[in-house]
Amino acid sequence: MKLAKLIQFLRDRLNTVIWVSCAILALVVIGDAIPAIVDKEHAHTAAEHWPAFWAVFGLLGCGALVLFSKLYGHYFVSRSEDYYDE
């Protein structure tokens, strides 16, 4: 029951949750751009030297995963409402 209360608490303050999440993401991206914080000397690819590469990569990967799962669920998993009436 405590988890349900936490979820409801966060849903009631959705704008605050969004702003705090964006602020944390901005801090991570800024931290990635500072060479003293993140050592990029031993990067394996050229793209890893770009500032915020892994943050953007993770965001795009997460978005692709969400879109793929929604499409998969819509076309392969879900059934019409009258599935059992046929």
C-alpha atoms as a PDB file:
ATOM      1  CA  MET A   1       0.000   0.000   0.000  1.00  0.00           C
ATOM      2  CA  LYS A   2       2.906   2.370   0.605  1.00  0.00           C
ATOM      3  CA  LEU A   3       3.951   2.081  -3.046  1.00  0.00           C
ATOM      4  CA  ALA A   4       0.465   3.071  -4.201  1.00  0.00           C
ATOM      5  CA  LYS A   5       0.595   6.126  -1.939  1.00  0.00           C
ATOM      6  CA  LEU A   6       4.003   7.077  -3.325  1.00  0.00           C
ATOM      7  CA  ILE A   7       2.774   6.753  -6.895  1.00  0.00           C
ATOM      8  CA  GLN A   8      -0.282   8.873  -6.140  1.00  0.00           C
ATOM      9  CA  PHE A   9       1.919  11.457  -4.371  1.00  0.00           C
ATOM     10  CA  LEU A  10       4.161  11.711  -7.455  1.00  0.00           C
ATOM     11  CA  ARG A  11       1.191  11.847  -9.845  1.00  0.00           C
ATOM     12  CA  ASP A  12      -0.264  14.754  -7.883  1.00  0.00           C
ATOM     13  CA  ARG A  13       3.030  16.619  -8.331  1.00  0.00           C
ATOM     14  CA  LEU A  14       3.774  15.612 -11.926  1.00  0.00           C
ATOM     15  CA  ASN A  15       5.132  18.998 -13.055  1.00  0.00           C
ATOM     16  CA  THR A  16       7.588  19.037 -10.156  1.00  0.00           C
ATOM     17  CA  VAL A  17       8.728  15.493 -10.965  1.00  0.00           C
ATOM     18  CA  ILE A  18       9.289  16.461 -14.613  1.00  0.00           C
ATOM     19  CA  TRP A  19      11.283  19.573 -13.703  1.00  0.00           C
ATOM     20  CA  VAL A  20      13.443  17.717 -11.169  1.00  0.00           C
ATOM     21  CA  SER A  21      14.116  14.943 -13.715  1.00  0.00           C
ATOM     22  CA  CYS A  22      15.122  17.482 -16.367  1.00  0.00           C
ATOM     23  CA  ALA A  23      17.409  19.252 -13.870  1.00  0.00           C
ATOM     24  CA  ILE A  24      19.127  15.964 -12.977  1.00  0.00           C
ATOM     25  CA  LEU A  25      19.562  15.146 -16.678  1.00  0.00           C
ATOM     26  CA  ALA A  26      21.052  18.602 -17.300  1.00  0.00           C
ATOM     27  CA  LEU A  27      23.506  18.110 -14.430  1.00  0.00           C
ATOM     28  CA  VAL A  28      24.565  14.741 -15.818  1.00  0.00           C
ATOM     29  CA  VAL A  29      25.103  16.208 -19.299  1.00  0.00           C
ATOM     30  CA  ILE A  30      27.070  19.152 -17.908  1.00  0.00           C
ATOM     31  CA  GLY A  31      29.139  16.774 -15.764  1.00  0.00           C
ATOM     32  CA  ASP A  32      29.887  14.671 -18.824  1.00  0.00           C
ATOM     33  CA  ALA A  33      31.212  17.728 -20.672  1.00  0.00           C
ATOM     34  CA  ILE A  34      33.776  18.488 -17.925  1.00  0.00           C
ATOM     35  CA  PRO A  35      36.972  16.518 -18.642  1.00  0.00           C
ATOM     36  CA  ALA A  36      38.011  16.398 -14.959  1.00  0.00           C
ATOM     37  CA  ILE A  37      34.878  14.417 -14.054  1.00  0.00           C
ATOM     38  CA  VAL A  38      34.669  11.924 -16.917  1.00  0.00           C
ATOM     39  CA  ASP A  39      37.844  10.409 -18.357  1.00  0.00           C
ATOM     40  CA  LYS A  40      37.392   9.958 -22.097  1.00  0.00           C
ATOM     41  CA  GLU A  41      41.011   9.128 -22.857  1.00  0.00           C
ATOM     42  CA  HIS A  42      40.324   5.401 -23.163  1.00  0.00           C
ATOM     43  CA  ALA A  43      37.146   5.639 -25.243  1.00  0.00           C
ATOM     44  CA  HIS A  44      36.710   2.838 -27.760  1.00  0.00           C
ATOM     45  CA  THR A  45      34.965   4.807 -30.516  1.00  0.00           C
ATOM     46  CA  ALA A  46      35.167   8.374 -31.797  1.00  0.00           C
ATOM     47  CA  ALA A  47      31.560   9.020 -30.812  1.00  0.00           C
ATOM     48  CA  GLU A  48      32.379   8.450 -27.130  1.00  0.00           C
ATOM     49  CA  HIS A  49      34.461  11.633 -27.157  1.00  0.00           C
ATOM     50  CA  TRP A  50      31.365  13.758 -27.871  1.00  0.00           C
ATOM     51  CA  PRO A  51      29.856  15.511 -24.852  1.00  0.00           C
ATOM     52  CA  ALA A  52      26.656  13.838 -23.631  1.00  0.00           C
ATOM     53  CA  PHE A  53      26.976  10.951 -26.098  1.00  0.00           C
ATOM     54  CA  TRP A  54      25.852   8.295 -23.630  1.00  0.00           C
ATOM     55  CA  ALA A  55      22.989  10.439 -22.326  1.00  0.00           C
ATOM     56  CA  VAL A  56      21.650  10.932 -25.854  1.00  0.00           C
ATOM     57  CA  PHE A  57      22.310   7.294 -26.727  1.00  0.00           C
ATOM     58  CA  GLY A  58      20.370   6.148 -23.657  1.00  0.00           C
ATOM     59  CA  LEU A  59      17.486   8.528 -24.379  1.00  0.00           C
ATOM     60  CA  LEU A  60      17.196   7.373 -27.993  1.00  0.00           C
ATOM     61  CA  GLY A  61      17.526   3.717 -26.996  1.00  0.00           C
ATOM     62  CA  CYS A  62      14.816   4.076 -24.361  1.00  0.00           C
ATOM     63  CA  GLY A  63      12.519   5.842 -26.828  1.00  0.00           C
ATOM     64  CA  ALA A  64      13.098   3.150 -29.447  1.00  0.00           C
ATOM     65  CA  LEU A  65      12.388   0.427 -26.890  1.00  0.00           C
ATOM     66  CA  VAL A  66       9.123   2.088 -25.852  1.00  0.00           C
ATOM     67  CA  LEU A  67       7.992   2.563 -29.461  1.00  0.00           C
ATOM     68  CA  PHE A  68       8.919  -1.009 -30.390  1.00  0.00           C
ATOM     69  CA  SER A  69       7.096  -2.460 -27.392  1.00  0.00           C
ATOM     70  CA  LYS A  70       3.975  -0.404 -28.100  1.00  0.00           C
ATOM     71  CA  LEU A  71       3.939  -1.505 -31.748  1.00  0.00           C
ATOM     72  CA  TYR A  72       4.615  -5.117 -30.790  1.00  0.00           C
ATOM     73  CA  GLY A  73       1.839  -5.064 -28.222  1.00  0.00           C
ATOM     74  CA  HIS A  74      -0.603  -3.445 -30.617  1.00  0.00           C
ATOM     75  CA  TYR A  75      -0.011  -5.726 -33.596  1.00  0.00           C
ATOM     76  CA  PHE A  76       0.946  -9.062 -32.033  1.00  0.00           C
ATOM     77  CA  VAL A  77      -0.286  -9.275 -28.447  1.00  0.00           C
ATOM     78  CA  SER A  78      -3.575  -7.394 -28.147  1.00  0.00           C
ATOM     79  CA  ARG A  79      -6.882  -8.762 -29.371  1.00  0.00           C
ATOM     80  CA  SER A  80     -10.057  -6.980 -30.342  1.00  0.00           C
ATOM     81  CA  GLU A  81     -12.768  -6.484 -27.711  1.00  0.00           C
ATOM     82  CA  ASP A  82     -15.047  -9.057 -29.329  1.00  0.00           C
ATOM     83  CA  TYR A  83     -12.356 -11.740 -29.552  1.00  0.00           C
ATOM     84  CA  TYR A  84     -14.364 -14.324 -27.588  1.00  0.00           C
ATOM     85  CA  ASP A  85     -17.660 -13.516 -29.351  1.00  0.00           C
ATOM     86  CA  GLU A  86     -16.462 -14.883 -32.704  1.00  0.00           C
END
